[in-house]
Amino acid sequence: QVQLVESGGGLVQAGGSLRLSCTASGRTFSSYTMGWYRQAPGKQRELVAVITSGGNTYYADSVKGRFTVSRDNAKNTVSLQMNSLKPEDTAVYYCAVGSGLILRNGTPRGFSRVDYWGQGTQVTVSS
């Protein structure tokens, strides 16, 4: 069993930045592909960033150039640096351990299976 704990959400003005972190329990973190999802009210959960065990990164078109995903295997942590935030980035953000990454034209569409979810952290961007 892996536990994922997110932190770093909050309220920020449009154009601002936030950094989310997700810390995982377990001894095999370095082998996980990690994803960041978000879900806005009334919308489906969207995969916005992925980092593989080898360090390859993938981004949804909606966040490309503004968000950066990184990992620190020594600390069992994956981070999401979010810059130039927009009101439409407002959502609950979840980290996840996934397998079977599905790409379409180089952008992440989902996983064949999500093995573990974090509890989510709220990000609110005011205009």
C-alpha atoms as a PDB file:
ATOM      1  CA  GLN A   1       0.000   0.000   0.000  1.00  0.00           C
ATOM      2  CA  VAL A   2       1.290   3.440  -0.958  1.00  0.00           C
ATOM      3  CA  GLN A   3       0.081   6.634   0.660  1.00  0.00           C
ATOM      4  CA  LEU A   4       0.313   9.915  -1.214  1.00  0.00           C
ATOM      5  CA  VAL A   5       0.081  13.219   0.634  1.00  0.00           C
ATOM      6  CA  GLU A   6      -0.210  16.482  -1.295  1.00  0.00           C
ATOM      7  CA  SER A   7       0.591  19.930   0.002  1.00  0.00           C
ATOM      8  CA  GLY A   8       1.061  23.447  -1.274  1.00  0.00           C
ATOM      9  CA  GLY A   9      -2.358  24.411  -2.540  1.00  0.00           C
ATOM     10  CA  GLY A  10      -3.952  27.743  -1.767  1.00  0.00           C
ATOM     11  CA  LEU A  11      -5.329  30.985  -3.102  1.00  0.00           C
ATOM     12  CA  VAL A  12      -3.324  33.037  -5.563  1.00  0.00           C
ATOM     13  CA  GLN A  13      -4.019  35.899  -7.936  1.00  0.00           C
ATOM     14  CA  ALA A  14      -3.954  35.405 -11.667  1.00  0.00           C
ATOM     15  CA  GLY A  15      -0.392  35.545 -12.961  1.00  0.00           C
ATOM     16  CA  GLY A  16       0.983  34.197  -9.707  1.00  0.00           C
ATOM     17  CA  SER A  17       2.723  30.940  -8.877  1.00  0.00           C
ATOM     18  CA  LEU A  18       2.235  27.953  -6.615  1.00  0.00           C
ATOM     19  CA  ARG A  19       4.255  24.831  -6.004  1.00  0.00           C
ATOM     20  CA  LEU A  20       2.505  21.605  -5.144  1.00  0.00           C
ATOM     21  CA  SER A  21       4.282  18.672  -3.558  1.00  0.00           C
ATOM     22  CA  CYS A  22       3.316  15.057  -3.165  1.00  0.00           C
ATOM     23  CA  THR A  23       5.175  12.755  -0.810  1.00  0.00           C
ATOM     24  CA  ALA A  24       4.823   9.004  -1.125  1.00  0.00           C
ATOM     25  CA  SER A  25       5.334   6.247   1.381  1.00  0.00           C
ATOM     26  CA  GLY A  26       7.088   3.077   0.353  1.00  0.00           C
ATOM     27  CA  ARG A  27      10.514   2.030  -0.788  1.00  0.00           C
ATOM     28  CA  THR A  28       9.995   1.816  -4.535  1.00  0.00           C
ATOM     29  CA  PHE A  29       9.048   5.408  -5.324  1.00  0.00           C
ATOM     30  CA  SER A  30      11.776   5.705  -7.938  1.00  0.00           C
ATOM     31  CA  SER A  31      10.083   3.040 -10.047  1.00  0.00           C
ATOM     32  CA  TYR A  32       6.704   4.818 -10.156  1.00  0.00           C
ATOM     33  CA  THR A  33       5.315   6.894 -12.958  1.00  0.00           C
ATOM     34  CA  MET A  34       3.685   9.859 -11.229  1.00  0.00           C
ATOM     35  CA  GLY A  35       0.867  11.969 -12.545  1.00  0.00           C
ATOM     36  CA  TRP A  36      -0.844  15.181 -11.510  1.00  0.00           C
ATOM     37  CA  TYR A  37      -4.553  15.378 -12.189  1.00  0.00           C
ATOM     38  CA  ARG A  38      -6.967  18.192 -11.556  1.00  0.00           C
ATOM     39  CA  GLN A  39     -10.711  18.394 -11.269  1.00  0.00           C
ATOM     40  CA  ALA A  40     -12.700  21.588 -11.466  1.00  0.00           C
ATOM     41  CA  PRO A  41     -16.305  21.751 -10.262  1.00  0.00           C
ATOM     42  CA  GLY A  42     -18.627  20.106 -12.747  1.00  0.00           C
ATOM     43  CA  LYS A  43     -15.784  18.867 -14.929  1.00  0.00           C
ATOM     44  CA  GLN A  44     -14.058  15.558 -15.477  1.00  0.00           C
ATOM     45  CA  ARG A  45     -10.739  14.841 -13.845  1.00  0.00           C
ATOM     46  CA  GLU A  46      -7.928  15.870 -16.208  1.00  0.00           C
ATOM     47  CA  LEU A  47      -4.369  14.564 -16.350  1.00  0.00           C
ATOM     48  CA  VAL A  48      -2.143  17.639 -16.631  1.00  0.00           C
ATOM     49  CA  ALA A  49       1.411  16.426 -16.024  1.00  0.00           C
ATOM     50  CA  VAL A  50       3.341  13.182 -15.869  1.00  0.00           C
ATOM     51  CA  ILE A  51       6.876  12.241 -14.925  1.00  0.00           C
ATOM     52  CA  THR A  52       8.094   8.735 -15.567  1.00  0.00           C
ATOM     53  CA  SER A  53      10.571   6.730 -13.532  1.00  0.00           C
ATOM     54  CA  GLY A  54      13.185   7.696 -16.107  1.00  0.00           C
ATOM     55  CA  GLY A  55      12.434  11.386 -15.751  1.00  0.00           C
ATOM     56  CA  ASN A  56      10.526  11.890 -18.995  1.00  0.00           C
ATOM     57  CA  THR A  57       7.845  14.551 -18.656  1.00  0.00           C
ATOM     58  CA  TYR A  58       4.567  15.128 -20.460  1.00  0.00           C
ATOM     59  CA  TYR A  59       2.079  17.964 -20.205  1.00  0.00           C
ATOM     60  CA  ALA A  60      -1.458  18.691 -21.243  1.00  0.00           C
ATOM     61  CA  ASP A  61      -1.698  21.461 -23.813  1.00  0.00           C
ATOM     62  CA  SER A  62      -3.576  23.614 -21.309  1.00  0.00           C
ATOM     63  CA  VAL A  63      -0.550  23.843 -18.988  1.00  0.00           C
ATOM     64  CA  LYS A  64       2.405  23.386 -21.333  1.00  0.00           C
ATOM     65  CA  GLY A  65       4.987  26.120 -20.879  1.00  0.00           C
ATOM     66  CA  ARG A  66       3.509  27.174 -17.517  1.00  0.00           C
ATOM     67  CA  PHE A  67       3.724  24.053 -15.337  1.00  0.00           C
ATOM     68  CA  THR A  68       6.811  21.974 -14.569  1.00  0.00           C
ATOM     69  CA  VAL A  69       6.761  18.540 -12.973  1.00  0.00           C
ATOM     70  CA  SER A  70       9.833  17.209 -11.186  1.00  0.00           C
ATOM     71  CA  ARG A  71      10.749  14.468  -8.763  1.00  0.00           C
ATOM     72  CA  ASP A  72      13.228  13.905  -5.960  1.00  0.00           C
ATOM     73  CA  ASN A  73      13.574  10.170  -5.465  1.00  0.00           C
ATOM     74  CA  ALA A  74      15.724  10.634  -2.374  1.00  0.00           C
ATOM     75  CA  LYS A  75      12.769  12.371  -0.709  1.00  0.00           C
ATOM     76  CA  ASN A  76      10.003  10.287  -2.314  1.00  0.00           C
ATOM     77  CA  THR A  77       8.525  13.516  -3.604  1.00  0.00           C
ATOM     78  CA  VAL A  78       7.052  14.745  -6.855  1.00  0.00           C
ATOM     79  CA  SER A  79       6.404  18.449  -7.346  1.00  0.00           C
ATOM     80  CA  LEU A  80       4.365  20.586  -9.683  1.00  0.00           C
ATOM     81  CA  GLN A  81       5.585  24.142 -10.177  1.00  0.00           C
ATOM     82  CA  MET A  82       2.725  26.229 -11.533  1.00  0.00           C
ATOM     83  CA  ASN A  83       3.509  29.630 -13.010  1.00  0.00           C
ATOM     84  CA  SER A  84       1.411  32.237 -14.812  1.00  0.00           C
ATOM     85  CA  LEU A  85      -1.675  30.842 -13.180  1.00  0.00           C
ATOM     86  CA  LYS A  86      -5.065  31.544 -14.695  1.00  0.00           C
ATOM     87  CA  PRO A  87      -8.549  31.443 -13.151  1.00  0.00           C
ATOM     88  CA  GLU A  88      -9.261  28.373 -15.268  1.00  0.00           C
ATOM     89  CA  ASP A  89      -6.502  26.527 -13.374  1.00  0.00           C
ATOM     90  CA  THR A  90      -8.753  26.572 -10.315  1.00  0.00           C
ATOM     91  CA  ALA A  91      -9.354  22.963  -9.296  1.00  0.00           C
ATOM     92  CA  VAL A  92      -8.549  20.272  -6.789  1.00  0.00           C
ATOM     93  CA  TYR A  93      -5.178  18.826  -7.732  1.00  0.00           C
ATOM     94  CA  TYR A  94      -4.389  15.168  -7.129  1.00  0.00           C
ATOM     95  CA  CYS A  95      -1.171  13.239  -7.465  1.00  0.00           C
ATOM     96  CA  ALA A  96      -1.344   9.639  -8.541  1.00  0.00           C
ATOM     97  CA  VAL A  97       0.741   6.567  -9.208  1.00  0.00           C
ATOM     98  CA  GLY A  98      -0.191   5.263 -12.606  1.00  0.00           C
ATOM     99  CA  SER A  99       0.731   2.602 -15.117  1.00  0.00           C
ATOM    100  CA  GLY A 100       0.169   2.256 -18.825  1.00  0.00           C
ATOM    101  CA  LEU A 101       0.514   5.927 -19.774  1.00  0.00           C
ATOM    102  CA  ILE A 102      -1.656   6.828 -22.752  1.00  0.00           C
ATOM    103  CA  LEU A 103      -0.252   9.504 -25.025  1.00  0.00           C
ATOM    104  CA  ARG A 104      -1.851  11.182 -27.978  1.00  0.00           C
ATOM    105  CA  ASN A 105       0.314  13.437 -30.104  1.00  0.00           C
ATOM    106  CA  GLY A 106       2.779  13.593 -27.230  1.00  0.00           C
ATOM    107  CA  THR A 107       0.259  14.757 -24.642  1.00  0.00           C
ATOM    108  CA  PRO A 108      -0.909  12.604 -21.739  1.00  0.00           C
ATOM    109  CA  ARG A 109      -4.501  11.412 -21.970  1.00  0.00           C
ATOM    110  CA  GLY A 110      -4.588   9.112 -18.971  1.00  0.00           C
ATOM    111  CA  PHE A 111      -3.328   5.868 -17.505  1.00  0.00           C
ATOM    112  CA  SER A 112      -4.526   2.354 -18.135  1.00  0.00           C
ATOM    113  CA  ARG A 113      -4.647   2.035 -14.373  1.00  0.00           C
ATOM    114  CA  VAL A 114      -4.225   4.412 -11.473  1.00  0.00           C
ATOM    115  CA  ASP A 115      -2.891   2.427  -8.561  1.00  0.00           C
ATOM    116  CA  TYR A 116      -2.960   5.110  -5.860  1.00  0.00           C
ATOM    117  CA  TRP A 117      -4.454   8.555  -5.372  1.00  0.00           C
ATOM    118  CA  GLY A 118      -3.604  11.359  -3.038  1.00  0.00           C
ATOM    119  CA  GLN A 119      -6.318  13.152  -1.112  1.00  0.00           C
ATOM    120  CA  GLY A 120      -6.151  16.283  -3.247  1.00  0.00           C
ATOM    121  CA  THR A 121      -5.254  19.887  -2.581  1.00  0.00           C
ATOM    122  CA  GLN A 122      -7.321  22.919  -3.578  1.00  0.00           C
ATOM    123  CA  VAL A 123      -5.854  25.541  -5.895  1.00  0.00           C
ATOM    124  CA  THR A 124      -7.879  28.698  -6.377  1.00  0.00           C
ATOM    125  CA  VAL A 125      -6.801  31.413  -8.800  1.00  0.00           C
ATOM    126  CA  SER A 126      -8.611  34.724  -8.497  1.00  0.00           C
ATOM    127  CA  SER A 127      -8.979  37.135 -11.383  1.00  0.00           C
END
